[in-house]
Amino acid sequence: MNLKNLLSVSKSILAAFCGIQSNKKFDEDDNFIQKNGVSSFILIGFILVFILGLILYFIVGFILS
């Protein structure tokens, strides 16, 4: 996977987290999945969820200390 695809998938996942995905972008993502499979979306999604969890953990720890 090249950097352009990595950034595109990351932006799509972040948009999905916020619920602001357009129909055009959804169709582009669907075509990407048809050609390359869903594994890149799953892997990057887990990584971003893990990073979000770490950020929330440190923010809550900072607030409670």
N, C-alpha and C. Protein backbone atom coordinates (compact mmCIF):
# COMPACT_ATOMS: atom_id res chain seq x y z
N MET A 1 0.86 -1.18 0.00
CA MET A 1 0.00 0.00 0.00
C MET A 1 0.90 1.23 0.00
N ASN A 2 0.62 2.16 -0.89
CA ASN A 2 1.44 3.36 -0.95
C ASN A 2 0.89 4.43 0.00
N LEU A 3 1.64 5.52 0.13
CA LEU A 3 1.30 6.57 1.09
C LEU A 3 -0.02 7.24 0.75
N LYS A 4 -0.31 7.40 -0.54
CA LYS A 4 -1.57 8.04 -0.95
C LYS A 4 -2.77 7.20 -0.49
N ASN A 5 -2.70 5.89 -0.70
CA ASN A 5 -3.78 5.01 -0.25
C ASN A 5 -3.89 4.99 1.26
N LEU A 6 -2.75 5.00 1.96
CA LEU A 6 -2.74 5.00 3.42
C LEU A 6 -3.43 6.25 3.96
N LEU A 7 -3.12 7.41 3.39
CA LEU A 7 -3.76 8.65 3.83
C LEU A 7 -5.24 8.66 3.50
N SER A 8 -5.60 8.15 2.34
CA SER A 8 -7.01 8.10 1.94
C SER A 8 -7.82 7.20 2.88
N VAL A 9 -7.27 6.04 3.21
CA VAL A 9 -7.96 5.13 4.11
C VAL A 9 -8.06 5.74 5.50
N SER A 10 -6.98 6.39 5.97
CA SER A 10 -7.00 7.02 7.29
C SER A 10 -8.06 8.12 7.36
N LYS A 11 -8.13 8.95 6.32
CA LYS A 11 -9.13 10.01 6.29
C LYS A 11 -10.54 9.44 6.27
N SER A 12 -10.74 8.34 5.54
CA SER A 12 -12.06 7.72 5.48
C SER A 12 -12.47 7.17 6.84
N ILE A 13 -11.52 6.57 7.53
CA ILE A 13 -11.84 6.01 8.85
C ILE A 13 -12.13 7.12 9.85
N LEU A 14 -11.35 8.19 9.82
CA LEU A 14 -11.61 9.32 10.73
C LEU A 14 -12.97 9.96 10.42
N ALA A 15 -13.32 10.06 9.16
CA ALA A 15 -14.63 10.59 8.78
C ALA A 15 -15.74 9.67 9.27
N ALA A 16 -15.50 8.37 9.21
CA ALA A 16 -16.49 7.41 9.69
C ALA A 16 -16.65 7.51 11.21
N PHE A 17 -15.55 7.75 11.93
CA PHE A 17 -15.64 7.95 13.38
C PHE A 17 -16.56 9.11 13.71
N CYS A 18 -16.48 10.19 12.91
CA CYS A 18 -17.28 11.38 13.15
C CYS A 18 -18.65 11.31 12.50
N GLY A 19 -18.85 10.39 11.60
CA GLY A 19 -20.14 10.25 10.92
C GLY A 19 -20.36 11.26 9.83
N ILE A 20 -19.31 11.70 9.16
CA ILE A 20 -19.44 12.76 8.15
C ILE A 20 -19.00 12.30 6.76
N GLN A 21 -19.13 11.04 6.47
CA GLN A 21 -18.69 10.48 5.19
C GLN A 21 -19.71 10.84 4.09
N SER A 22 -19.24 11.38 2.99
CA SER A 22 -20.12 11.70 1.87
C SER A 22 -20.40 10.44 1.04
N ASN A 23 -21.47 10.48 0.26
CA ASN A 23 -21.81 9.33 -0.58
C ASN A 23 -20.74 9.09 -1.65
N LYS A 24 -20.16 10.16 -2.18
CA LYS A 24 -19.11 10.02 -3.19
C LYS A 24 -17.89 9.30 -2.60
N LYS A 25 -17.48 9.73 -1.40
CA LYS A 25 -16.33 9.11 -0.74
C LYS A 25 -16.65 7.67 -0.34
N PHE A 26 -17.89 7.42 0.05
CA PHE A 26 -18.30 6.06 0.39
C PHE A 26 -18.18 5.15 -0.83
N ASP A 27 -18.59 5.64 -1.99
CA ASP A 27 -18.47 4.85 -3.22
C ASP A 27 -17.01 4.61 -3.59
N GLU A 28 -16.15 5.63 -3.39
CA GLU A 28 -14.72 5.45 -3.65
C GLU A 28 -14.13 4.39 -2.71
N ASP A 29 -14.53 4.44 -1.45
CA ASP A 29 -14.04 3.43 -0.49
C ASP A 29 -14.53 2.04 -0.86
N ASP A 30 -15.76 1.96 -1.32
CA ASP A 30 -16.31 0.66 -1.72
C ASP A 30 -15.52 0.09 -2.91
N ASN A 31 -15.20 0.94 -3.87
CA ASN A 31 -14.39 0.49 -5.01
C ASN A 31 -13.00 0.06 -4.57
N PHE A 32 -12.40 0.80 -3.62
CA PHE A 32 -11.09 0.44 -3.10
C PHE A 32 -11.14 -0.94 -2.42
N ILE A 33 -12.19 -1.17 -1.65
CA ILE A 33 -12.34 -2.46 -0.96
C ILE A 33 -12.54 -3.59 -1.97
N GLN A 34 -13.30 -3.33 -3.03
CA GLN A 34 -13.50 -4.34 -4.06
C GLN A 34 -12.19 -4.74 -4.72
N LYS A 35 -11.29 -3.77 -4.92
CA LYS A 35 -10.03 -4.05 -5.60
C LYS A 35 -8.97 -4.62 -4.65
N ASN A 36 -8.88 -4.08 -3.42
CA ASN A 36 -7.76 -4.39 -2.53
C ASN A 36 -8.14 -5.19 -1.29
N GLY A 37 -9.41 -5.34 -1.00
CA GLY A 37 -9.82 -6.04 0.21
C GLY A 37 -10.01 -5.09 1.38
N VAL A 38 -10.59 -5.61 2.42
CA VAL A 38 -10.97 -4.80 3.57
C VAL A 38 -9.89 -4.78 4.65
N SER A 39 -8.83 -5.57 4.48
CA SER A 39 -7.83 -5.72 5.53
C SER A 39 -7.16 -4.40 5.91
N SER A 40 -6.91 -3.53 4.95
CA SER A 40 -6.26 -2.25 5.28
C SER A 40 -7.17 -1.37 6.13
N PHE A 41 -8.47 -1.37 5.84
CA PHE A 41 -9.41 -0.60 6.65
C PHE A 41 -9.47 -1.14 8.07
N ILE A 42 -9.48 -2.45 8.22
CA ILE A 42 -9.55 -3.05 9.55
C ILE A 42 -8.29 -2.75 10.34
N LEU A 43 -7.13 -2.94 9.74
CA LEU A 43 -5.87 -2.71 10.44
C LEU A 43 -5.72 -1.24 10.86
N ILE A 44 -5.93 -0.33 9.95
CA ILE A 44 -5.80 1.09 10.28
C ILE A 44 -6.87 1.51 11.28
N GLY A 45 -8.07 0.95 11.17
CA GLY A 45 -9.13 1.25 12.13
C GLY A 45 -8.75 0.83 13.54
N PHE A 46 -8.20 -0.38 13.70
CA PHE A 46 -7.76 -0.83 15.03
C PHE A 46 -6.65 0.06 15.57
N ILE A 47 -5.73 0.45 14.72
CA ILE A 47 -4.63 1.31 15.16
C ILE A 47 -5.17 2.67 15.64
N LEU A 48 -6.09 3.25 14.88
CA LEU A 48 -6.64 4.55 15.26
C LEU A 48 -7.48 4.46 16.53
N VAL A 49 -8.22 3.37 16.72
CA VAL A 49 -8.99 3.18 17.96
C VAL A 49 -8.05 3.04 19.14
N PHE A 50 -6.94 2.31 18.97
CA PHE A 50 -5.95 2.15 20.03
C PHE A 50 -5.34 3.50 20.40
N ILE A 51 -4.99 4.30 19.40
CA ILE A 51 -4.42 5.63 19.66
C ILE A 51 -5.43 6.51 20.37
N LEU A 52 -6.69 6.48 19.95
CA LEU A 52 -7.74 7.25 20.61
C LEU A 52 -7.88 6.82 22.07
N GLY A 53 -7.84 5.51 22.32
CA GLY A 53 -7.92 5.01 23.70
C GLY A 53 -6.77 5.50 24.54
N LEU A 54 -5.55 5.48 23.99
CA LEU A 54 -4.39 5.98 24.74
C LEU A 54 -4.52 7.47 25.05
N ILE A 55 -4.98 8.24 24.07
CA ILE A 55 -5.15 9.68 24.29
C ILE A 55 -6.17 9.93 25.40
N LEU A 56 -7.29 9.23 25.35
CA LEU A 56 -8.31 9.41 26.39
C LEU A 56 -7.79 8.97 27.75
N TYR A 57 -7.03 7.88 27.80
CA TYR A 57 -6.45 7.39 29.05
C TYR A 57 -5.55 8.45 29.68
N PHE A 58 -4.67 9.05 28.87
CA PHE A 58 -3.76 10.06 29.40
C PHE A 58 -4.48 11.35 29.77
N ILE A 59 -5.50 11.73 29.03
CA ILE A 59 -6.26 12.93 29.37
C ILE A 59 -6.99 12.73 30.70
N VAL A 60 -7.64 11.59 30.87
CA VAL A 60 -8.35 11.33 32.12
C VAL A 60 -7.37 11.24 33.29
N GLY A 61 -6.22 10.58 33.06
CA GLY A 61 -5.20 10.50 34.10
C GLY A 61 -4.68 11.87 34.50
N PHE A 62 -4.51 12.75 33.52
CA PHE A 62 -4.04 14.11 33.79
C PHE A 62 -5.09 14.89 34.58
N ILE A 63 -6.35 14.75 34.20
CA ILE A 63 -7.41 15.48 34.87
C ILE A 63 -7.58 15.01 36.32
N LEU A 64 -7.48 13.71 36.55
CA LEU A 64 -7.68 13.17 37.89
C LEU A 64 -6.48 13.34 38.82
N SER A 65 -5.33 13.69 38.27
CA SER A 65 -4.15 13.85 39.13
C SER A 65 -4.05 15.24 39.72
